[in-house]
């Protein structure tokens, strides 16, 4: 890129990927507007309620990003419609680097769950990078008499539709994850939607339902307190906080891997130098031991390049399509 008013420059080819691409972009000439960035307060939109895990993550990372960039980062909660309200707002914002979005798994799910989500996850945003991932945990009540995932699925096979499972609502990761697990296992259970993941887990603690697949950090305190029993991790590997708990793939459910992810995105069209600087800054922030310690809730701090983050969304969209077919769900 040639700065205004400068003469011809020799073209350079960047062969490195990942951080090398960030560094090359950051060192290349840039417009005056990008050079001055950031010169004022940055707004980071969280499409979920205050106090939720995404909100807590953004406040921790946002504080560190503000220190690194030298400008305040103000968190704004714009909850509603499964995250669509906040995402729509950022999609329509000016692509000047001053409006950020905490983008997560539901943005991929909503692309297939809703006929008109109000945005296109792959076209209306510039995805800067992943912040972290969180496993999904298959849990039952500690006194249920069910001691393993195999035992749960065998009971579901003997009693089709008799077992009830809870989720935070239709189309949530817990709902689609359960349908994917049940579909691959070839068994049936009845879905009971709640207002949120916490409510679903509380219902399980109160024995109103038989099992659930919540995000790891929601279930972990109840598992540690002995109220719930973890049967399996619905991820690619065992979680270090519960190393004795097997994965669903280990018990023979091939392809049933559900990991919730979240990261940083901008409106489409954001200047490349700003995206490069943000990506490099995000990686530096996530490497700080103090930040990693504060984010340690059972998930994993997991920075990624923009390309890897886009692939997260593509993969989740495909997985959602598969789960919706198994659950016989039509777009709303």
C-alpha atoms as a PDB file:
ATOM      1  CA  UNK A   1       0.000   0.000   0.000  1.00  0.00           C
ATOM      2  CA  UNK A   2       1.425   3.435  -0.966  1.00  0.00           C
ATOM      3  CA  UNK A   3       0.962   6.438   1.306  1.00  0.00           C
ATOM      4  CA  UNK A   4      -0.620   9.561  -0.250  1.00  0.00           C
ATOM      5  CA  UNK A   5       1.965  11.857  -1.804  1.00  0.00           C
ATOM      6  CA  UNK A   6       4.821   9.345  -1.874  1.00  0.00           C
ATOM      7  CA  UNK A   7       6.637   8.205  -5.002  1.00  0.00           C
ATOM      8  CA  UNK A   8       6.730   4.726  -6.548  1.00  0.00           C
ATOM      9  CA  UNK A   9       7.811   2.016  -4.185  1.00  0.00           C
ATOM     10  CA  UNK A  10       9.198  -1.425  -4.825  1.00  0.00           C
ATOM     11  CA  UNK A  11       6.574  -4.083  -4.363  1.00  0.00           C
ATOM     12  CA  UNK A  12       7.302  -6.540  -1.614  1.00  0.00           C
ATOM     13  CA  UNK A  13       5.956 -10.024  -1.353  1.00  0.00           C
ATOM     14  CA  UNK A  14       5.125 -11.452   1.998  1.00  0.00           C
ATOM     15  CA  UNK A  15       5.628 -15.217   2.108  1.00  0.00           C
ATOM     16  CA  UNK A  16       5.126 -15.787   5.835  1.00  0.00           C
ATOM     17  CA  UNK A  17       1.718 -16.750   7.226  1.00  0.00           C
ATOM     18  CA  UNK A  18       0.077 -16.094  10.578  1.00  0.00           C
ATOM     19  CA  UNK A  19       1.933 -13.549  12.694  1.00  0.00           C
ATOM     20  CA  UNK A  20       4.389 -12.921   9.882  1.00  0.00           C
ATOM     21  CA  UNK A  21       1.521 -11.515   7.841  1.00  0.00           C
ATOM     22  CA  UNK A  22       0.507  -9.315  10.751  1.00  0.00           C
ATOM     23  CA  UNK A  23       4.044  -7.984  11.114  1.00  0.00           C
ATOM     24  CA  UNK A  24       4.440  -7.307   7.401  1.00  0.00           C
ATOM     25  CA  UNK A  25       1.140  -5.434   7.251  1.00  0.00           C
ATOM     26  CA  UNK A  26       1.989  -3.457  10.364  1.00  0.00           C
ATOM     27  CA  UNK A  27       5.330  -2.328   8.877  1.00  0.00           C
ATOM     28  CA  UNK A  28       3.962  -1.366   5.464  1.00  0.00           C
ATOM     29  CA  UNK A  29       3.060   2.242   4.594  1.00  0.00           C
ATOM     30  CA  UNK A  30      -0.477   3.147   5.624  1.00  0.00           C
ATOM     31  CA  UNK A  31      -2.902   6.019   5.226  1.00  0.00           C
ATOM     32  CA  UNK A  32      -2.739   8.865   7.719  1.00  0.00           C
ATOM     33  CA  UNK A  33      -6.079   7.786   9.227  1.00  0.00           C
ATOM     34  CA  UNK A  34      -4.704   4.329  10.030  1.00  0.00           C
ATOM     35  CA  UNK A  35      -1.405   5.771  11.294  1.00  0.00           C
ATOM     36  CA  UNK A  36      -3.297   7.921  13.806  1.00  0.00           C
ATOM     37  CA  UNK A  37      -5.388   5.016  15.059  1.00  0.00           C
ATOM     38  CA  UNK A  38      -6.410   4.769  17.824  1.00  0.00           C
ATOM     39  CA  UNK A  39      -6.876   8.398  18.795  1.00  0.00           C
ATOM     40  CA  UNK A  40     -10.098   8.092  20.824  1.00  0.00           C
ATOM     41  CA  UNK A  41     -12.239   5.714  22.870  1.00  0.00           C
ATOM     42  CA  UNK A  42     -12.961   2.274  21.400  1.00  0.00           C
ATOM     43  CA  UNK A  43     -16.358   0.608  21.834  1.00  0.00           C
ATOM     44  CA  UNK A  44     -16.446  -3.169  22.324  1.00  0.00           C
ATOM     45  CA  UNK A  45     -19.949  -4.566  21.842  1.00  0.00           C
ATOM     46  CA  UNK A  46     -20.854  -7.733  23.741  1.00  0.00           C
ATOM     47  CA  UNK A  47     -24.109  -9.228  22.382  1.00  0.00           C
ATOM     48  CA  UNK A  48     -24.880 -10.866  25.729  1.00  0.00           C
ATOM     49  CA  UNK A  49     -25.981  -9.789  29.201  1.00  0.00           C
ATOM     50  CA  UNK A  50     -23.633  -8.303  31.830  1.00  0.00           C
ATOM     51  CA  UNK A  51     -22.111 -10.919  34.090  1.00  0.00           C
ATOM     52  CA  UNK A  52     -22.131 -13.699  31.495  1.00  0.00           C
ATOM     53  CA  UNK A  53     -18.906 -15.468  30.541  1.00  0.00           C
ATOM     54  CA  UNK A  54     -18.497 -13.471  27.275  1.00  0.00           C
ATOM     55  CA  UNK A  55     -18.975 -10.228  29.197  1.00  0.00           C
ATOM     56  CA  UNK A  56     -16.381 -11.214  31.800  1.00  0.00           C
ATOM     57  CA  UNK A  57     -13.934 -12.276  29.091  1.00  0.00           C
ATOM     58  CA  UNK A  58     -14.276  -8.995  27.213  1.00  0.00           C
ATOM     59  CA  UNK A  59     -13.793  -6.911  30.356  1.00  0.00           C
ATOM     60  CA  UNK A  60     -10.573  -8.744  31.200  1.00  0.00           C
ATOM     61  CA  UNK A  61      -9.174  -8.638  27.663  1.00  0.00           C
ATOM     62  CA  UNK A  62     -10.504  -5.126  27.010  1.00  0.00           C
ATOM     63  CA  UNK A  63      -8.662  -3.737  30.018  1.00  0.00           C
ATOM     64  CA  UNK A  64      -5.391  -5.211  28.762  1.00  0.00           C
ATOM     65  CA  UNK A  65      -6.036  -4.049  25.187  1.00  0.00           C
ATOM     66  CA  UNK A  66      -6.665  -0.513  26.437  1.00  0.00           C
ATOM     67  CA  UNK A  67      -3.299  -0.535  28.199  1.00  0.00           C
ATOM     68  CA  UNK A  68      -1.548  -1.809  25.085  1.00  0.00           C
ATOM     69  CA  UNK A  69      -3.238   0.619  22.661  1.00  0.00           C
ATOM     70  CA  UNK A  70      -3.203   3.680  24.909  1.00  0.00           C
ATOM     71  CA  UNK A  71      -6.928   4.411  24.557  1.00  0.00           C
ATOM     72  CA  UNK A  72      -9.970   3.452  26.668  1.00  0.00           C
ATOM     73  CA  UNK A  73     -11.964   0.395  25.624  1.00  0.00           C
ATOM     74  CA  UNK A  74     -15.583   0.735  26.755  1.00  0.00           C
ATOM     75  CA  UNK A  75     -17.714  -2.417  26.952  1.00  0.00           C
ATOM     76  CA  UNK A  76     -21.326  -2.126  25.762  1.00  0.00           C
ATOM     77  CA  UNK A  77     -23.781  -4.964  26.329  1.00  0.00           C
ATOM     78  CA  UNK A  78     -26.307  -5.273  23.495  1.00  0.00           C
ATOM     79  CA  UNK A  79     -28.106  -8.520  24.285  1.00  0.00           C
ATOM     80  CA  UNK A  80     -31.092  -9.998  22.497  1.00  0.00           C
ATOM     81  CA  UNK A  81     -32.159 -12.490  19.817  1.00  0.00           C
ATOM     82  CA  UNK A  82     -29.408 -14.954  20.685  1.00  0.00           C
ATOM     83  CA  UNK A  83     -26.677 -12.391  20.055  1.00  0.00           C
ATOM     84  CA  UNK A  84     -28.141 -11.068  16.802  1.00  0.00           C
ATOM     85  CA  UNK A  85     -28.936  -7.565  18.115  1.00  0.00           C
ATOM     86  CA  UNK A  86     -25.351  -6.706  18.978  1.00  0.00           C
ATOM     87  CA  UNK A  87     -23.974  -8.341  15.844  1.00  0.00           C
ATOM     88  CA  UNK A  88     -26.383  -6.381  13.647  1.00  0.00           C
ATOM     89  CA  UNK A  89     -25.309  -3.137  15.274  1.00  0.00           C
ATOM     90  CA  UNK A  90     -21.625  -3.769  14.651  1.00  0.00           C
ATOM     91  CA  UNK A  91     -22.249  -4.958  11.082  1.00  0.00           C
ATOM     92  CA  UNK A  92     -23.765  -1.530  10.355  1.00  0.00           C
ATOM     93  CA  UNK A  93     -21.043   0.461  12.139  1.00  0.00           C
ATOM     94  CA  UNK A  94     -18.301   2.432  10.403  1.00  0.00           C
ATOM     95  CA  UNK A  95     -15.295   0.187   9.630  1.00  0.00           C
ATOM     96  CA  UNK A  96     -12.829   2.576  11.259  1.00  0.00           C
ATOM     97  CA  UNK A  97     -11.490   0.335  14.016  1.00  0.00           C
ATOM     98  CA  UNK A  98     -13.416   2.044  16.818  1.00  0.00           C
ATOM     99  CA  UNK A  99     -16.275  -0.466  17.043  1.00  0.00           C
ATOM    100  CA  UNK A 100     -15.440  -4.035  17.995  1.00  0.00           C
ATOM    101  CA  UNK A 101     -17.618  -7.116  18.425  1.00  0.00           C
ATOM    102  CA  UNK A 102     -17.190 -10.110  20.683  1.00  0.00           C
ATOM    103  CA  UNK A 103     -18.076 -12.708  18.054  1.00  0.00           C
ATOM    104  CA  UNK A 104     -18.798 -16.261  19.112  1.00  0.00           C
ATOM    105  CA  UNK A 105     -20.296 -19.637  18.241  1.00  0.00           C
ATOM    106  CA  UNK A 106     -23.943 -18.436  18.173  1.00  0.00           C
ATOM    107  CA  UNK A 107     -23.119 -16.179  15.211  1.00  0.00           C
ATOM    108  CA  UNK A 108     -22.439 -19.320  13.168  1.00  0.00           C
ATOM    109  CA  UNK A 109     -25.476 -21.152  14.517  1.00  0.00           C
ATOM    110  CA  UNK A 110     -27.758 -18.200  13.816  1.00  0.00           C
ATOM    111  CA  UNK A 111     -26.690 -18.179  10.168  1.00  0.00           C
ATOM    112  CA  UNK A 112     -28.614 -21.433   9.746  1.00  0.00           C
ATOM    113  CA  UNK A 113     -31.150 -21.253  12.567  1.00  0.00           C
ATOM    114  CA  UNK A 114     -32.655 -17.962  11.330  1.00  0.00           C
ATOM    115  CA  UNK A 115     -33.777 -17.221   7.791  1.00  0.00           C
ATOM    116  CA  UNK A 116     -32.868 -13.552   8.267  1.00  0.00           C
ATOM    117  CA  UNK A 117     -30.414 -13.047  11.153  1.00  0.00           C
ATOM    118  CA  UNK A 118     -29.737  -9.508   9.953  1.00  0.00           C
ATOM    119  CA  UNK A 119     -26.109 -10.143   9.016  1.00  0.00           C
ATOM    120  CA  UNK A 120     -23.843 -12.576   7.217  1.00  0.00           C
ATOM    121  CA  UNK A 121     -21.190 -13.898   9.584  1.00  0.00           C
ATOM    122  CA  UNK A 122     -18.713 -14.517   6.769  1.00  0.00           C
ATOM    123  CA  UNK A 123     -19.324 -11.364   4.700  1.00  0.00           C
ATOM    124  CA  UNK A 124     -20.316  -8.551   7.066  1.00  0.00           C
ATOM    125  CA  UNK A 125     -17.353  -8.753   9.436  1.00  0.00           C
ATOM    126  CA  UNK A 126     -13.576  -8.658   9.437  1.00  0.00           C
ATOM    127  CA  UNK A 127     -12.598 -11.382  11.886  1.00  0.00           C
ATOM    128  CA  UNK A 128      -9.427 -10.386  13.743  1.00  0.00           C
ATOM    129  CA  UNK A 129      -8.739 -13.459  15.849  1.00  0.00           C
ATOM    130  CA  UNK A 130      -9.938 -15.992  18.361  1.00  0.00           C
ATOM    131  CA  UNK A 131      -9.596 -15.269  22.073  1.00  0.00           C
ATOM    132  CA  UNK A 132     -10.472 -18.638  23.520  1.00  0.00           C
ATOM    133  CA  UNK A 133     -12.460 -21.827  23.452  1.00  0.00           C
ATOM    134  CA  UNK A 134     -14.575 -23.674  25.994  1.00  0.00           C
ATOM    135  CA  UNK A 135     -15.501 -27.324  26.124  1.00  0.00           C
ATOM    136  CA  UNK A 136     -19.042 -28.644  26.355  1.00  0.00           C
ATOM    137  CA  UNK A 137     -19.674 -31.120  29.177  1.00  0.00           C
ATOM    138  CA  UNK A 138     -22.235 -33.948  29.296  1.00  0.00           C
ATOM    139  CA  UNK A 139     -23.600 -34.006  32.857  1.00  0.00           C
ATOM    140  CA  UNK A 140     -26.263 -35.812  34.891  1.00  0.00           C
ATOM    141  CA  UNK A 141     -27.386 -35.493  38.499  1.00  0.00           C
ATOM    142  CA  UNK A 142     -24.885 -37.108  40.857  1.00  0.00           C
ATOM    143  CA  UNK A 143     -27.613 -39.365  42.287  1.00  0.00           C
ATOM    144  CA  UNK A 144     -29.114 -40.393  38.950  1.00  0.00           C
ATOM    145  CA  UNK A 145     -27.620 -43.861  39.022  1.00  0.00           C
ATOM    146  CA  UNK A 146     -26.088 -43.238  35.580  1.00  0.00           C
ATOM    147  CA  UNK A 147     -22.321 -43.630  35.835  1.00  0.00           C
ATOM    148  CA  UNK A 148     -21.158 -43.241  32.231  1.00  0.00           C
ATOM    149  CA  UNK A 149     -22.077 -41.760  28.877  1.00  0.00           C
ATOM    150  CA  UNK A 150     -22.517 -45.269  27.485  1.00  0.00           C
ATOM    151  CA  UNK A 151     -24.995 -46.051  30.266  1.00  0.00           C
ATOM    152  CA  UNK A 152     -26.942 -42.868  29.519  1.00  0.00           C
ATOM    153  CA  UNK A 153     -27.174 -43.648  25.812  1.00  0.00           C
ATOM    154  CA  UNK A 154     -28.098 -47.272  26.487  1.00  0.00           C
ATOM    155  CA  UNK A 155     -30.949 -46.129  28.708  1.00  0.00           C
ATOM    156  CA  UNK A 156     -32.097 -43.731  25.988  1.00  0.00           C
ATOM    157  CA  UNK A 157     -32.039 -46.662  23.571  1.00  0.00           C
ATOM    158  CA  UNK A 158     -34.188 -48.803  25.878  1.00  0.00           C
ATOM    159  CA  UNK A 159     -36.622 -45.970  26.617  1.00  0.00           C
ATOM    160  CA  UNK A 160     -36.982 -43.858  23.424  1.00  0.00           C
ATOM    161  CA  UNK A 161     -38.014 -40.290  24.204  1.00  0.00           C
ATOM    162  CA  UNK A 162     -38.381 -40.928  27.948  1.00  0.00           C
ATOM    163  CA  UNK A 163     -35.245 -39.074  29.021  1.00  0.00           C
ATOM    164  CA  UNK A 164     -35.384 -35.266  29.103  1.00  0.00           C
ATOM    165  CA  UNK A 165     -32.449 -32.973  28.460  1.00  0.00           C
ATOM    166  CA  UNK A 166     -32.248 -29.238  29.031  1.00  0.00           C
ATOM    167  CA  UNK A 167     -30.608 -26.390  27.159  1.00  0.00           C
ATOM    168  CA  UNK A 168     -30.574 -22.611  27.177  1.00  0.00           C
ATOM    169  CA  UNK A 169     -33.117 -22.554  24.350  1.00  0.00           C
ATOM    170  CA  UNK A 170     -33.883 -23.804  20.858  1.00  0.00           C
ATOM    171  CA  UNK A 171     -30.833 -23.546  18.610  1.00  0.00           C
ATOM    172  CA  UNK A 172     -28.328 -22.981  21.407  1.00  0.00           C
ATOM    173  CA  UNK A 173     -25.045 -24.930  21.377  1.00  0.00           C
ATOM    174  CA  UNK A 174     -26.358 -27.224  24.144  1.00  0.00           C
ATOM    175  CA  UNK A 175     -29.492 -28.033  22.133  1.00  0.00           C
ATOM    176  CA  UNK A 176     -27.776 -28.687  18.815  1.00  0.00           C
ATOM    177  CA  UNK A 177     -24.900 -30.461  20.544  1.00  0.00           C
ATOM    178  CA  UNK A 178     -27.288 -32.842  22.256  1.00  0.00           C
ATOM    179  CA  UNK A 179     -29.116 -33.546  19.010  1.00  0.00           C
ATOM    180  CA  UNK A 180     -25.818 -34.243  17.284  1.00  0.00           C
ATOM    181  CA  UNK A 181     -24.817 -36.670  20.040  1.00  0.00           C
ATOM    182  CA  UNK A 182     -28.209 -38.405  20.054  1.00  0.00           C
ATOM    183  CA  UNK A 183     -28.351 -38.572  16.261  1.00  0.00           C
ATOM    184  CA  UNK A 184     -24.928 -40.153  15.912  1.00  0.00           C
ATOM    185  CA  UNK A 185     -25.767 -42.611  18.708  1.00  0.00           C
ATOM    186  CA  UNK A 186     -29.097 -43.423  17.057  1.00  0.00           C
ATOM    187  CA  UNK A 187     -31.209 -42.744  20.160  1.00  0.00           C
ATOM    188  CA  UNK A 188     -33.923 -40.276  21.171  1.00  0.00           C
ATOM    189  CA  UNK A 189     -34.547 -37.934  24.104  1.00  0.00           C
ATOM    190  CA  UNK A 190     -36.930 -35.043  24.699  1.00  0.00           C
ATOM    191  CA  UNK A 191     -35.669 -31.461  24.581  1.00  0.00           C
ATOM    192  CA  UNK A 192     -36.716 -29.063  27.355  1.00  0.00           C
ATOM    193  CA  UNK A 193     -35.658 -25.467  26.541  1.00  0.00           C
ATOM    194  CA  UNK A 194     -34.967 -22.942  29.313  1.00  0.00           C
ATOM    195  CA  UNK A 195     -34.262 -19.196  29.266  1.00  0.00           C
ATOM    196  CA  UNK A 196     -30.533 -19.738  29.588  1.00  0.00           C
ATOM    197  CA  UNK A 197     -27.764 -22.260  30.247  1.00  0.00           C
ATOM    198  CA  UNK A 198     -27.652 -21.466  33.960  1.00  0.00           C
ATOM    199  CA  UNK A 199     -31.384 -22.126  34.291  1.00  0.00           C
ATOM    200  CA  UNK A 200     -31.002 -25.458  32.487  1.00  0.00           C
ATOM    201  CA  UNK A 201     -28.196 -26.543  34.793  1.00  0.00           C
ATOM    202  CA  UNK A 202     -30.156 -25.444  37.855  1.00  0.00           C
ATOM    203  CA  UNK A 203     -33.057 -27.574  36.607  1.00  0.00           C
ATOM    204  CA  UNK A 204     -30.706 -30.542  36.375  1.00  0.00           C
ATOM    205  CA  UNK A 205     -29.479 -29.915  39.914  1.00  0.00           C
ATOM    206  CA  UNK A 206     -33.152 -29.837  40.947  1.00  0.00           C
ATOM    207  CA  UNK A 207     -33.801 -33.126  39.082  1.00  0.00           C
ATOM    208  CA  UNK A 208     -36.350 -31.589  36.725  1.00  0.00           C
ATOM    209  CA  UNK A 209     -34.451 -33.011  33.727  1.00  0.00           C
ATOM    210  CA  UNK A 210     -32.168 -36.007  33.171  1.00  0.00           C
ATOM    211  CA  UNK A 211     -29.078 -34.562  31.477  1.00  0.00           C
ATOM    212  CA  UNK A 212     -27.605 -31.513  29.783  1.00  0.00           C
ATOM    213  CA  UNK A 213     -24.603 -30.390  27.731  1.00  0.00           C
ATOM    214  CA  UNK A 214     -23.681 -26.948  29.081  1.00  0.00           C
ATOM    215  CA  UNK A 215     -20.527 -24.934  28.537  1.00  0.00           C
ATOM    216  CA  UNK A 216     -17.756 -26.208  30.807  1.00  0.00           C
ATOM    217  CA  UNK A 217     -17.564 -23.265  33.218  1.00  0.00           C
ATOM    218  CA  UNK A 218     -21.327 -23.366  33.873  1.00  0.00           C
ATOM    219  CA  UNK A 219     -21.256 -27.020  34.936  1.00  0.00           C
ATOM    220  CA  UNK A 220     -17.845 -27.190  36.631  1.00  0.00           C
ATOM    221  CA  UNK A 221     -18.795 -25.661  40.030  1.00  0.00           C
ATOM    222  CA  UNK A 222     -21.665 -28.150  40.382  1.00  0.00           C
ATOM    223  CA  UNK A 223     -19.389 -31.048  39.400  1.00  0.00           C
ATOM    224  CA  UNK A 224     -16.753 -29.968  41.900  1.00  0.00           C
ATOM    225  CA  UNK A 225     -19.415 -29.613  44.610  1.00  0.00           C
ATOM    226  CA  UNK A 226     -20.676 -33.137  43.950  1.00  0.00           C
ATOM    227  CA  UNK A 227     -24.118 -32.091  42.744  1.00  0.00           C
ATOM    228  CA  UNK A 228     -23.563 -33.162  39.139  1.00  0.00           C
ATOM    229  CA  UNK A 229     -21.568 -35.975  37.576  1.00  0.00           C
ATOM    230  CA  UNK A 230     -19.550 -35.327  34.417  1.00  0.00           C
ATOM    231  CA  UNK A 231     -19.926 -38.217  31.968  1.00  0.00           C
ATOM    232  CA  UNK A 232     -18.014 -36.929  28.952  1.00  0.00           C
ATOM    233  CA  UNK A 233     -16.290 -33.956  27.393  1.00  0.00           C
ATOM    234  CA  UNK A 234     -17.759 -33.068  24.012  1.00  0.00           C
ATOM    235  CA  UNK A 235     -14.442 -31.805  22.687  1.00  0.00           C
ATOM    236  CA  UNK A 236     -11.419 -33.076  20.749  1.00  0.00           C
ATOM    237  CA  UNK A 237      -9.450 -33.938  23.913  1.00  0.00           C
ATOM    238  CA  UNK A 238      -9.881 -34.370  27.654  1.00  0.00           C
ATOM    239  CA  UNK A 239     -10.046 -31.233  29.767  1.00  0.00           C
ATOM    240  CA  UNK A 240      -7.113 -30.806  32.193  1.00  0.00           C
ATOM    241  CA  UNK A 241      -9.489 -29.723  34.953  1.00  0.00           C
ATOM    242  CA  UNK A 242     -11.311 -33.080  34.717  1.00  0.00           C
ATOM    243  CA  UNK A 243      -8.639 -35.391  33.279  1.00  0.00           C
ATOM    244  CA  UNK A 244     -10.495 -38.563  34.274  1.00  0.00           C
ATOM    245  CA  UNK A 245     -13.544 -37.691  32.137  1.00  0.00           C
ATOM    246  CA  UNK A 246     -13.393 -39.198  28.613  1.00  0.00           C
ATOM    247  CA  UNK A 247     -14.409 -37.492  25.395  1.00  0.00           C
ATOM    248  CA  UNK A 248     -17.496 -38.537  23.454  1.00  0.00           C
ATOM    249  CA  UNK A 249     -15.241 -39.663  20.622  1.00  0.00           C
ATOM    250  CA  UNK A 250     -13.430 -41.990  23.034  1.00  0.00           C
ATOM    251  CA  UNK A 251     -16.681 -43.847  23.704  1.00  0.00           C
ATOM    252  CA  UNK A 252     -17.289 -44.328  19.997  1.00  0.00           C
ATOM    253  CA  UNK A 253     -19.255 -41.254  18.875  1.00  0.00           C
ATOM    254  CA  UNK A 254     -17.077 -40.241  15.942  1.00  0.00           C
ATOM    255  CA  UNK A 255     -17.393 -36.641  14.815  1.00  0.00           C
ATOM    256  CA  UNK A 256     -19.243 -35.486  17.932  1.00  0.00           C
ATOM    257  CA  UNK A 257     -16.933 -32.684  18.991  1.00  0.00           C
ATOM    258  CA  UNK A 258     -18.483 -29.456  20.217  1.00  0.00           C
ATOM    259  CA  UNK A 259     -16.312 -26.549  21.308  1.00  0.00           C
ATOM    260  CA  UNK A 260     -17.628 -23.067  21.976  1.00  0.00           C
ATOM    261  CA  UNK A 261     -15.347 -20.259  20.800  1.00  0.00           C
ATOM    262  CA  UNK A 262     -15.213 -16.482  20.923  1.00  0.00           C
ATOM    263  CA  UNK A 263     -13.029 -13.722  19.597  1.00  0.00           C
ATOM    264  CA  UNK A 264     -12.666 -10.223  18.205  1.00  0.00           C
ATOM    265  CA  UNK A 265     -14.278  -8.980  14.987  1.00  0.00           C
ATOM    266  CA  UNK A 266     -14.760  -5.632  13.241  1.00  0.00           C
ATOM    267  CA  UNK A 267     -17.215  -4.417  10.615  1.00  0.00           C
ATOM    268  CA  UNK A 268     -16.312  -5.564   7.103  1.00  0.00           C
ATOM    269  CA  UNK A 269     -13.943  -3.230   5.301  1.00  0.00           C
ATOM    270  CA  UNK A 270     -11.759  -2.332   8.283  1.00  0.00           C
ATOM    271  CA  UNK A 271      -8.329  -1.067   7.118  1.00  0.00           C
ATOM    272  CA  UNK A 272      -5.760  -3.859   6.861  1.00  0.00           C
ATOM    273  CA  UNK A 273      -3.111  -2.029   8.952  1.00  0.00           C
ATOM    274  CA  UNK A 274      -5.599  -1.650  11.811  1.00  0.00           C
ATOM    275  CA  UNK A 275      -6.588  -5.314  11.573  1.00  0.00           C
ATOM    276  CA  UNK A 276      -2.909  -6.301  11.579  1.00  0.00           C
ATOM    277  CA  UNK A 277      -2.114  -4.167  14.617  1.00  0.00           C
ATOM    278  CA  UNK A 278      -5.172  -5.430  16.478  1.00  0.00           C
ATOM    279  CA  UNK A 279      -4.292  -9.055  15.748  1.00  0.00           C
ATOM    280  CA  UNK A 280      -0.719  -8.626  16.942  1.00  0.00           C
ATOM    281  CA  UNK A 281      -1.850  -6.718  20.042  1.00  0.00           C
ATOM    282  CA  UNK A 282      -4.460  -9.351  20.854  1.00  0.00           C
ATOM    283  CA  UNK A 283      -1.838 -12.078  20.666  1.00  0.00           C
ATOM    284  CA  UNK A 284       0.516 -10.152  22.946  1.00  0.00           C
ATOM    285  CA  UNK A 285      -2.260  -9.521  25.470  1.00  0.00           C
ATOM    286  CA  UNK A 286      -3.313 -13.182  25.511  1.00  0.00           C
ATOM    287  CA  UNK A 287       0.282 -14.240  26.182  1.00  0.00           C
ATOM    288  CA  UNK A 288       0.376 -12.195  29.406  1.00  0.00           C
ATOM    289  CA  UNK A 289       0.393 -14.553  32.433  1.00  0.00           C
ATOM    290  CA  UNK A 290      -1.878 -12.248  34.452  1.00  0.00           C
ATOM    291  CA  UNK A 291      -4.482 -12.155  31.685  1.00  0.00           C
ATOM    292  CA  UNK A 292      -4.335 -15.919  31.169  1.00  0.00           C
ATOM    293  CA  UNK A 293      -4.762 -16.516  34.898  1.00  0.00           C
ATOM    294  CA  UNK A 294      -7.867 -14.321  35.041  1.00  0.00           C
ATOM    295  CA  UNK A 295      -9.362 -16.109  32.028  1.00  0.00           C
ATOM    296  CA  UNK A 296      -8.779 -19.581  33.470  1.00  0.00           C
ATOM    297  CA  UNK A 297     -12.328 -20.873  34.026  1.00  0.00           C
ATOM    298  CA  UNK A 298     -12.042 -24.290  32.423  1.00  0.00           C
ATOM    299  CA  UNK A 299     -11.738 -23.068  28.870  1.00  0.00           C
ATOM    300  CA  UNK A 300      -8.547 -22.423  26.958  1.00  0.00           C
ATOM    301  CA  UNK A 301      -6.966 -19.155  25.898  1.00  0.00           C
ATOM    302  CA  UNK A 302      -6.492 -19.797  22.208  1.00  0.00           C
ATOM    303  CA  UNK A 303      -5.338 -16.958  19.944  1.00  0.00           C
ATOM    304  CA  UNK A 304      -5.680 -17.484  16.212  1.00  0.00           C
ATOM    305  CA  UNK A 305      -4.996 -15.727  12.948  1.00  0.00           C
ATOM    306  CA  UNK A 306      -7.936 -14.148  11.084  1.00  0.00           C
ATOM    307  CA  UNK A 307      -7.909 -17.052   8.641  1.00  0.00           C
ATOM    308  CA  UNK A 308      -8.153 -19.614  11.421  1.00  0.00           C
ATOM    309  CA  UNK A 309     -10.954 -17.672  13.092  1.00  0.00           C
ATOM    310  CA  UNK A 310     -12.935 -17.569   9.839  1.00  0.00           C
ATOM    311  CA  UNK A 311     -12.466 -21.330   9.544  1.00  0.00           C
ATOM    312  CA  UNK A 312     -13.940 -21.716  13.057  1.00  0.00           C
ATOM    313  CA  UNK A 313     -17.120 -20.067  11.804  1.00  0.00           C
ATOM    314  CA  UNK A 314     -17.219 -22.104   8.581  1.00  0.00           C
ATOM    315  CA  UNK A 315     -16.814 -25.342  10.518  1.00  0.00           C
ATOM    316  CA  UNK A 316     -19.513 -24.407  13.030  1.00  0.00           C
ATOM    317  CA  UNK A 317     -21.957 -23.458  10.269  1.00  0.00           C
ATOM    318  CA  UNK A 318     -21.476 -26.896   8.677  1.00  0.00           C
ATOM    319  CA  UNK A 319     -21.874 -28.607  12.057  1.00  0.00           C
ATOM    320  CA  UNK A 320     -25.076 -26.646  12.689  1.00  0.00           C
ATOM    321  CA  UNK A 321     -26.525 -27.787   9.366  1.00  0.00           C
ATOM    322  CA  UNK A 322     -25.845 -31.406  10.315  1.00  0.00           C
ATOM    323  CA  UNK A 323     -27.358 -31.047  13.801  1.00  0.00           C
ATOM    324  CA  UNK A 324     -30.461 -29.285  12.461  1.00  0.00           C
ATOM    325  CA  UNK A 325     -31.077 -32.115  10.004  1.00  0.00           C
ATOM    326  CA  UNK A 326     -30.774 -34.673  12.789  1.00  0.00           C
ATOM    327  CA  UNK A 327     -33.153 -32.637  14.973  1.00  0.00           C
ATOM    328  CA  UNK A 328     -35.499 -31.954  12.036  1.00  0.00           C
ATOM    329  CA  UNK A 329     -35.257 -28.231  12.744  1.00  0.00           C
ATOM    330  CA  UNK A 330     -36.285 -25.706  10.107  1.00  0.00           C
ATOM    331  CA  UNK A 331     -34.899 -22.139   9.964  1.00  0.00           C
ATOM    332  CA  UNK A 332     -37.070 -19.746  11.941  1.00  0.00           C
END
